[in-house]
C-alpha cells in the first residue's frame, strides 16, 4: 500500500503554499523527503491479550504523510485526510519492482524547497 503519485504531488504543492520550504529544525532547504508509504497512527487501546483479534476498543486510525529531513532526522507527520478531496483515491495497492524500496526510508526528495 502506498500513496498515489498524484496525491503526493498535491500534498507537496499544498505544503509549499503553507510555507514548508526548509526543515523547521535545522533550516536545510534541500534535505526534505516524502515517503511514498502511509504512516499509520493508532489512537486507542490495544487488547490485553496479544493473540486476541486485532480490534481497537473505541480507537481510531490516522493515515499520515511522512516528511523527514535527511540532514537532522526531524520527522513531520501530516494527516492525509486534510489533503483528500471528495472520494478521490489517495492510496494504491502494490508497487512495481522498480519502485520498491525498504520501508521507513524517505525516497521522494521534495525539489524546489530553496
C-alpha atoms as a PDB file:
ATOM      1  CA  UNK A   1       0.000   0.000   0.000  1.00  0.00           C
ATOM      2  CA  UNK A   2       1.405   3.378  -0.990  1.00  0.00           C
ATOM      3  CA  UNK A   3       0.298   6.909  -1.815  1.00  0.00           C
ATOM      4  CA  UNK A   4      -0.822   7.579  -5.355  1.00  0.00           C
ATOM      5  CA  UNK A   5       1.756   9.801  -7.125  1.00  0.00           C
ATOM      6  CA  UNK A   6      -0.920  12.401  -7.905  1.00  0.00           C
ATOM      7  CA  UNK A   7      -1.820  12.605  -4.209  1.00  0.00           C
ATOM      8  CA  UNK A   8       1.845  13.029  -3.254  1.00  0.00           C
ATOM      9  CA  UNK A   9       2.176  15.886  -5.747  1.00  0.00           C
ATOM     10  CA  UNK A  10      -0.954  17.580  -4.356  1.00  0.00           C
ATOM     11  CA  UNK A  11       0.313  17.305  -0.771  1.00  0.00           C
ATOM     12  CA  UNK A  12       3.734  18.601  -1.844  1.00  0.00           C
ATOM     13  CA  UNK A  13       2.185  21.662  -3.513  1.00  0.00           C
ATOM     14  CA  UNK A  14      -0.057  22.309  -0.521  1.00  0.00           C
ATOM     15  CA  UNK A  15       2.867  22.127   1.936  1.00  0.00           C
ATOM     16  CA  UNK A  16       4.843  24.553  -0.236  1.00  0.00           C
ATOM     17  CA  UNK A  17       1.912  27.003  -0.193  1.00  0.00           C
ATOM     18  CA  UNK A  18       1.757  26.672   3.602  1.00  0.00           C
ATOM     19  CA  UNK A  19       5.437  27.640   3.843  1.00  0.00           C
ATOM     20  CA  UNK A  20       7.299  24.350   4.273  1.00  0.00           C
ATOM     21  CA  UNK A  21      10.336  25.344   2.226  1.00  0.00           C
ATOM     22  CA  UNK A  22      13.037  24.035   4.570  1.00  0.00           C
ATOM     23  CA  UNK A  23      13.413  21.899   7.672  1.00  0.00           C
ATOM     24  CA  UNK A  24      11.929  23.878  10.568  1.00  0.00           C
ATOM     25  CA  UNK A  25      14.592  22.475  12.895  1.00  0.00           C
ATOM     26  CA  UNK A  26      17.945  22.732  11.074  1.00  0.00           C
ATOM     27  CA  UNK A  27      16.943  25.040   8.205  1.00  0.00           C
ATOM     28  CA  UNK A  28      18.205  22.724   5.467  1.00  0.00           C
ATOM     29  CA  UNK A  29      16.370  23.558   2.261  1.00  0.00           C
ATOM     30  CA  UNK A  30      17.468  20.531   0.243  1.00  0.00           C
ATOM     31  CA  UNK A  31      17.035  17.572   2.555  1.00  0.00           C
ATOM     32  CA  UNK A  32      13.279  17.153   2.984  1.00  0.00           C
ATOM     33  CA  UNK A  33      11.839  13.953   1.556  1.00  0.00           C
ATOM     34  CA  UNK A  34       8.395  12.393   1.462  1.00  0.00           C
ATOM     35  CA  UNK A  35       7.812   8.688   1.968  1.00  0.00           C
ATOM     36  CA  UNK A  36       5.554   7.026  -0.609  1.00  0.00           C
ATOM     37  CA  UNK A  37       4.160   4.833   2.173  1.00  0.00           C
ATOM     38  CA  UNK A  38       1.467   5.959   4.630  1.00  0.00           C
ATOM     39  CA  UNK A  39       2.377   6.203   8.298  1.00  0.00           C
ATOM     40  CA  UNK A  40      -0.479   4.643  10.241  1.00  0.00           C
ATOM     41  CA  UNK A  41      -1.135   6.035  13.710  1.00  0.00           C
ATOM     42  CA  UNK A  42      -3.327   4.161  16.170  1.00  0.00           C
ATOM     43  CA  UNK A  43      -5.312   6.181  18.686  1.00  0.00           C
ATOM     44  CA  UNK A  44      -6.940   3.682  21.010  1.00  0.00           C
ATOM     45  CA  UNK A  45      -6.312   0.847  23.391  1.00  0.00           C
ATOM     46  CA  UNK A  46      -4.757  -2.390  22.279  1.00  0.00           C
ATOM     47  CA  UNK A  47      -6.240  -5.636  23.605  1.00  0.00           C
ATOM     48  CA  UNK A  48      -4.548  -7.051  26.734  1.00  0.00           C
ATOM     49  CA  UNK A  49      -4.184 -10.417  25.018  1.00  0.00           C
ATOM     50  CA  UNK A  50      -1.681 -10.132  22.161  1.00  0.00           C
ATOM     51  CA  UNK A  51      -3.214 -13.191  20.460  1.00  0.00           C
ATOM     52  CA  UNK A  52      -6.697 -11.635  20.508  1.00  0.00           C
ATOM     53  CA  UNK A  53      -8.199 -10.353  17.243  1.00  0.00           C
ATOM     54  CA  UNK A  54      -6.736  -7.006  16.242  1.00  0.00           C
ATOM     55  CA  UNK A  55      -9.698  -4.800  17.084  1.00  0.00           C
ATOM     56  CA  UNK A  56      -9.267  -1.372  18.595  1.00  0.00           C
ATOM     57  CA  UNK A  57     -11.534  -0.604  21.514  1.00  0.00           C
ATOM     58  CA  UNK A  58     -13.057   2.780  20.713  1.00  0.00           C
ATOM     59  CA  UNK A  59      -9.966   3.732  18.745  1.00  0.00           C
ATOM     60  CA  UNK A  60      -9.224   5.462  15.513  1.00  0.00           C
ATOM     61  CA  UNK A  61      -6.686   5.066  12.706  1.00  0.00           C
ATOM     62  CA  UNK A  62      -4.978   8.045  11.116  1.00  0.00           C
ATOM     63  CA  UNK A  63      -3.168   7.745   7.807  1.00  0.00           C
ATOM     64  CA  UNK A  64      -0.364  10.301   7.783  1.00  0.00           C
ATOM     65  CA  UNK A  65       2.011  11.672   5.175  1.00  0.00           C
ATOM     66  CA  UNK A  66       5.587  11.323   6.449  1.00  0.00           C
ATOM     67  CA  UNK A  67       8.135  14.068   5.706  1.00  0.00           C
ATOM     68  CA  UNK A  68      11.683  13.670   7.032  1.00  0.00           C
ATOM     69  CA  UNK A  69      14.791  15.812   6.985  1.00  0.00           C
ATOM     70  CA  UNK A  70      17.685  13.624   5.897  1.00  0.00           C
ATOM     71  CA  UNK A  71      20.160  16.049   7.461  1.00  0.00           C
ATOM     72  CA  UNK A  72      18.958  16.192  11.078  1.00  0.00           C
ATOM     73  CA  UNK A  73      16.283  13.473  11.167  1.00  0.00           C
ATOM     74  CA  UNK A  74      13.408  15.814  12.044  1.00  0.00           C
ATOM     75  CA  UNK A  75      10.183  13.925  11.285  1.00  0.00           C
ATOM     76  CA  UNK A  76       6.861  15.544  10.424  1.00  0.00           C
ATOM     77  CA  UNK A  77       3.505  13.818  10.029  1.00  0.00           C
ATOM     78  CA  UNK A  78       0.541  15.366   8.248  1.00  0.00           C
ATOM     79  CA  UNK A  79      -2.995  13.970   8.423  1.00  0.00           C
ATOM     80  CA  UNK A  80      -3.764  12.695   4.914  1.00  0.00           C
ATOM     81  CA  UNK A  81      -7.488  13.315   5.418  1.00  0.00           C
ATOM     82  CA  UNK A  82      -6.799  17.076   5.330  1.00  0.00           C
ATOM     83  CA  UNK A  83      -5.481  16.786   1.787  1.00  0.00           C
ATOM     84  CA  UNK A  84      -8.155  14.491   0.420  1.00  0.00           C
ATOM     85  CA  UNK A  85     -10.793  15.912  -1.878  1.00  0.00           C
ATOM     86  CA  UNK A  86     -14.144  14.143  -2.085  1.00  0.00           C
ATOM     87  CA  UNK A  87     -13.946  10.480  -2.905  1.00  0.00           C
ATOM     88  CA  UNK A  88     -10.625  10.716  -4.713  1.00  0.00           C
ATOM     89  CA  UNK A  89      -8.462   7.629  -4.197  1.00  0.00           C
ATOM     90  CA  UNK A  90      -5.213   8.515  -2.465  1.00  0.00           C
ATOM     91  CA  UNK A  91      -3.790   5.031  -1.818  1.00  0.00           C
ATOM     92  CA  UNK A  92      -2.928   2.275  -4.272  1.00  0.00           C
ATOM     93  CA  UNK A  93      -2.059  -1.344  -3.622  1.00  0.00           C
ATOM     94  CA  UNK A  94       1.218  -2.897  -4.629  1.00  0.00           C
ATOM     95  CA  UNK A  95       4.326  -1.421  -6.133  1.00  0.00           C
ATOM     96  CA  UNK A  96       6.454  -2.420  -9.061  1.00  0.00           C
ATOM     97  CA  UNK A  97       9.923  -3.854  -8.570  1.00  0.00           C
ATOM     98  CA  UNK A  98      11.444  -0.594  -9.841  1.00  0.00           C
ATOM     99  CA  UNK A  99       9.505   1.439  -7.271  1.00  0.00           C
ATOM    100  CA  UNK A 100      10.155  -0.930  -4.375  1.00  0.00           C
ATOM    101  CA  UNK A 101      12.230   0.492  -1.548  1.00  0.00           C
ATOM    102  CA  UNK A 102      12.781  -0.553   2.069  1.00  0.00           C
ATOM    103  CA  UNK A 103      10.059   0.675   4.415  1.00  0.00           C
ATOM    104  CA  UNK A 104      10.892   3.593   6.618  1.00  0.00           C
ATOM    105  CA  UNK A 105      13.324   5.193   4.183  1.00  0.00           C
ATOM    106  CA  UNK A 106      12.307   8.505   2.659  1.00  0.00           C
ATOM    107  CA  UNK A 107      12.503   8.209  -1.095  1.00  0.00           C
ATOM    108  CA  UNK A 108      10.965  11.267  -2.658  1.00  0.00           C
ATOM    109  CA  UNK A 109      13.030  14.381  -2.288  1.00  0.00           C
ATOM    110  CA  UNK A 110      10.959  17.497  -2.355  1.00  0.00           C
ATOM    111  CA  UNK A 111      12.632  19.544  -5.096  1.00  0.00           C
ATOM    112  CA  UNK A 112      12.495  23.294  -5.159  1.00  0.00           C
ATOM    113  CA  UNK A 113      12.499  23.786  -1.408  1.00  0.00           C
ATOM    114  CA  UNK A 114      15.093  26.544  -1.551  1.00  0.00           C
END
